[in-house]
Protein backbone atom coordinates (compact mmCIF):
# COMPACT_ATOMS: atom_id res chain seq x y z
CA MET A 1 0.13 -1.07 10.81
CA LYS A 2 -2.81 -0.80 13.17
CA LYS A 3 -2.96 2.59 14.91
CA ILE A 4 -5.45 5.14 16.05
CA PHE A 5 -4.29 8.74 16.27
CA HIS A 6 -6.48 10.67 18.69
CA LEU A 7 -6.58 13.44 21.24
CA GLY A 8 -6.96 12.23 24.81
CA ASN A 9 -9.17 15.06 26.03
CA CYS A 10 -11.46 15.04 22.99
CA SER A 11 -14.86 13.64 23.96
CA THR A 12 -15.70 12.89 20.32
CA CYS A 13 -12.51 10.83 19.90
CA GLN A 14 -13.24 8.98 23.13
CA ARG A 15 -16.83 8.24 22.07
CA ILE A 16 -15.70 6.87 18.71
CA ILE A 17 -12.92 4.81 20.27
CA GLY A 18 -15.48 3.39 22.67
CA GLU A 19 -17.71 2.41 19.75
CA LEU A 20 -14.88 0.83 17.76
CA ASN A 21 -13.12 -0.91 20.68
CA PRO A 22 -9.85 -0.98 18.71
CA GLU A 23 -7.60 -2.03 21.60
CA SER A 24 -9.31 -5.41 21.69
CA LYS A 25 -8.31 -5.81 18.03
CA GLY A 26 -4.63 -5.06 18.66
CA PHE A 27 -4.56 -1.41 17.66
CA GLU A 28 -1.91 0.91 19.07
CA MET A 29 -3.47 4.01 20.60
CA ARG A 30 -1.53 7.19 19.85
CA GLU A 31 -2.36 10.32 21.79
CA ILE A 32 -1.02 13.00 19.46
CA LYS A 33 -0.60 15.80 21.97
CA SER A 34 1.77 13.84 24.21
CA ALA A 35 3.34 11.76 21.41
CA PRO A 36 3.52 13.92 18.27
CA MET A 37 3.21 12.34 14.85
CA THR A 38 6.34 11.78 12.84
CA THR A 39 6.86 12.99 9.29
CA GLU A 40 6.82 9.36 8.14
CA GLU A 41 3.45 8.72 9.80
CA VAL A 42 1.89 11.82 8.25
CA GLU A 43 3.33 10.86 4.86
CA LEU A 44 1.81 7.38 5.18
CA MET A 45 -1.56 8.95 6.02
CA TYR A 46 -1.18 11.15 2.94
CA LYS A 47 -0.43 8.14 0.76
CA LEU A 48 -3.61 6.41 1.95
CA ALA A 49 -5.82 9.53 2.02
CA GLY A 50 -4.67 10.99 -1.30
CA SER A 51 -4.10 14.51 0.03
CA TYR A 52 -2.95 16.42 3.08
CA GLU A 53 -6.07 18.54 2.85
CA ALA A 54 -8.17 15.42 3.58
CA LEU A 55 -6.24 15.07 6.85
CA PHE A 56 -6.53 18.74 7.79
CA SER A 57 -9.14 19.96 10.25
CA LYS A 58 -10.67 23.24 9.18
CA ARG A 59 -12.70 23.15 12.41
CA ALA A 60 -9.61 23.72 14.56
CA MET A 61 -9.80 27.00 16.46
CA LYS A 62 -6.33 27.95 15.25
CA TYR A 63 -7.47 27.68 11.63
CA ARG A 64 -9.39 30.92 11.96
CA SER A 65 -7.23 32.59 14.61
CA MET A 66 -4.15 32.22 12.40
CA GLY A 67 -6.07 33.54 9.39
CA LEU A 68 -5.60 30.30 7.45
CA ASN A 69 -9.25 30.38 6.42
CA GLU A 70 -8.43 33.50 4.39
CA MET A 71 -5.59 31.79 2.51
CA LYS A 72 -5.42 29.24 -0.29
CA LEU A 73 -3.17 26.59 1.26
CA SER A 74 -1.03 24.27 -0.84
CA GLU A 75 -0.58 20.57 -0.07
CA ASP A 76 2.88 21.36 1.34
CA GLU A 77 1.36 23.98 3.64
CA PHE A 78 -1.33 21.56 4.86
CA LYS A 79 1.44 19.06 5.65
CA LYS A 80 3.54 21.69 7.42
CA TYR A 81 0.67 22.81 9.67
CA ILE A 82 -0.34 19.23 10.53
CA LEU A 83 3.22 18.45 11.57
CA GLU A 84 3.66 21.70 13.50
CA GLU A 85 0.38 21.64 15.42
CA TYR A 86 -1.50 18.49 16.43
CA THR A 87 -4.79 20.36 16.46
CA PHE A 88 -4.76 20.53 12.65
CA LEU A 89 -5.13 16.76 12.25
CA LYS A 90 -8.73 15.77 11.60
CA ARG A 91 -9.38 13.25 14.37
CA PRO A 92 -9.49 10.42 15.03
CA VAL A 93 -7.44 8.77 12.31
CA LEU A 94 -7.59 5.00 12.15
CA LEU A 95 -4.92 3.20 10.14
CA ALA A 96 -5.58 -0.46 9.48
CA ASP A 97 -3.26 -2.20 7.06
CA ASN A 98 -3.74 -0.24 3.82
CA HIS A 99 -6.95 1.48 4.90
CA ILE A 100 -7.49 4.87 6.50
CA PHE A 101 -10.54 6.32 8.21
CA ILE A 102 -10.34 10.04 8.94
CA GLY A 103 -12.50 12.10 11.27
CA SER A 104 -15.73 11.79 13.12
CA ALA A 105 -18.35 11.88 10.37
CA ARG A 106 -21.02 9.25 10.93
CA LYS A 107 -20.36 7.70 7.50
CA THR A 108 -16.64 7.38 8.31
CA VAL A 109 -17.27 5.82 11.72
CA GLU A 110 -19.75 3.34 10.24
CA ALA A 111 -17.25 2.40 7.51
CA ALA A 112 -14.56 1.86 10.17
CA LYS A 113 -16.95 -0.30 12.22
CA ALA A 114 -17.76 -2.41 9.16
CA TYR A 115 -14.10 -2.82 8.34
CA LEU A 116 -13.14 -3.72 11.92
CA SER A 117 -15.89 -6.31 12.16
CA GLY A 118 -13.63 -8.45 9.95
CA PHE A 119 -10.82 -8.47 12.56
């Protein structure tokens, strides 16, 4: 599987996608607001990431507005919120074979670039 899950109006996602140029390497681009993630896709991300919390964006505006920052969330709750609201997915998420790269941290983007240079 070669997919990038992103948000179309997110300038950070667009910048990273521009740097990675994944479409030229055969990646499917998935805009998660217009084409929500399936349970199976989120479960695959979990399998590769090791936890739902690793996939969860604590920077999302709804995280604070819903009071989630005051709660101790379980793995099942992280999964539930990611599936219910696209904004809770840490973006972008790049799936390449059995590898996953989550978020916009410089180290993550550099690791994705290094991995994709082999395609």
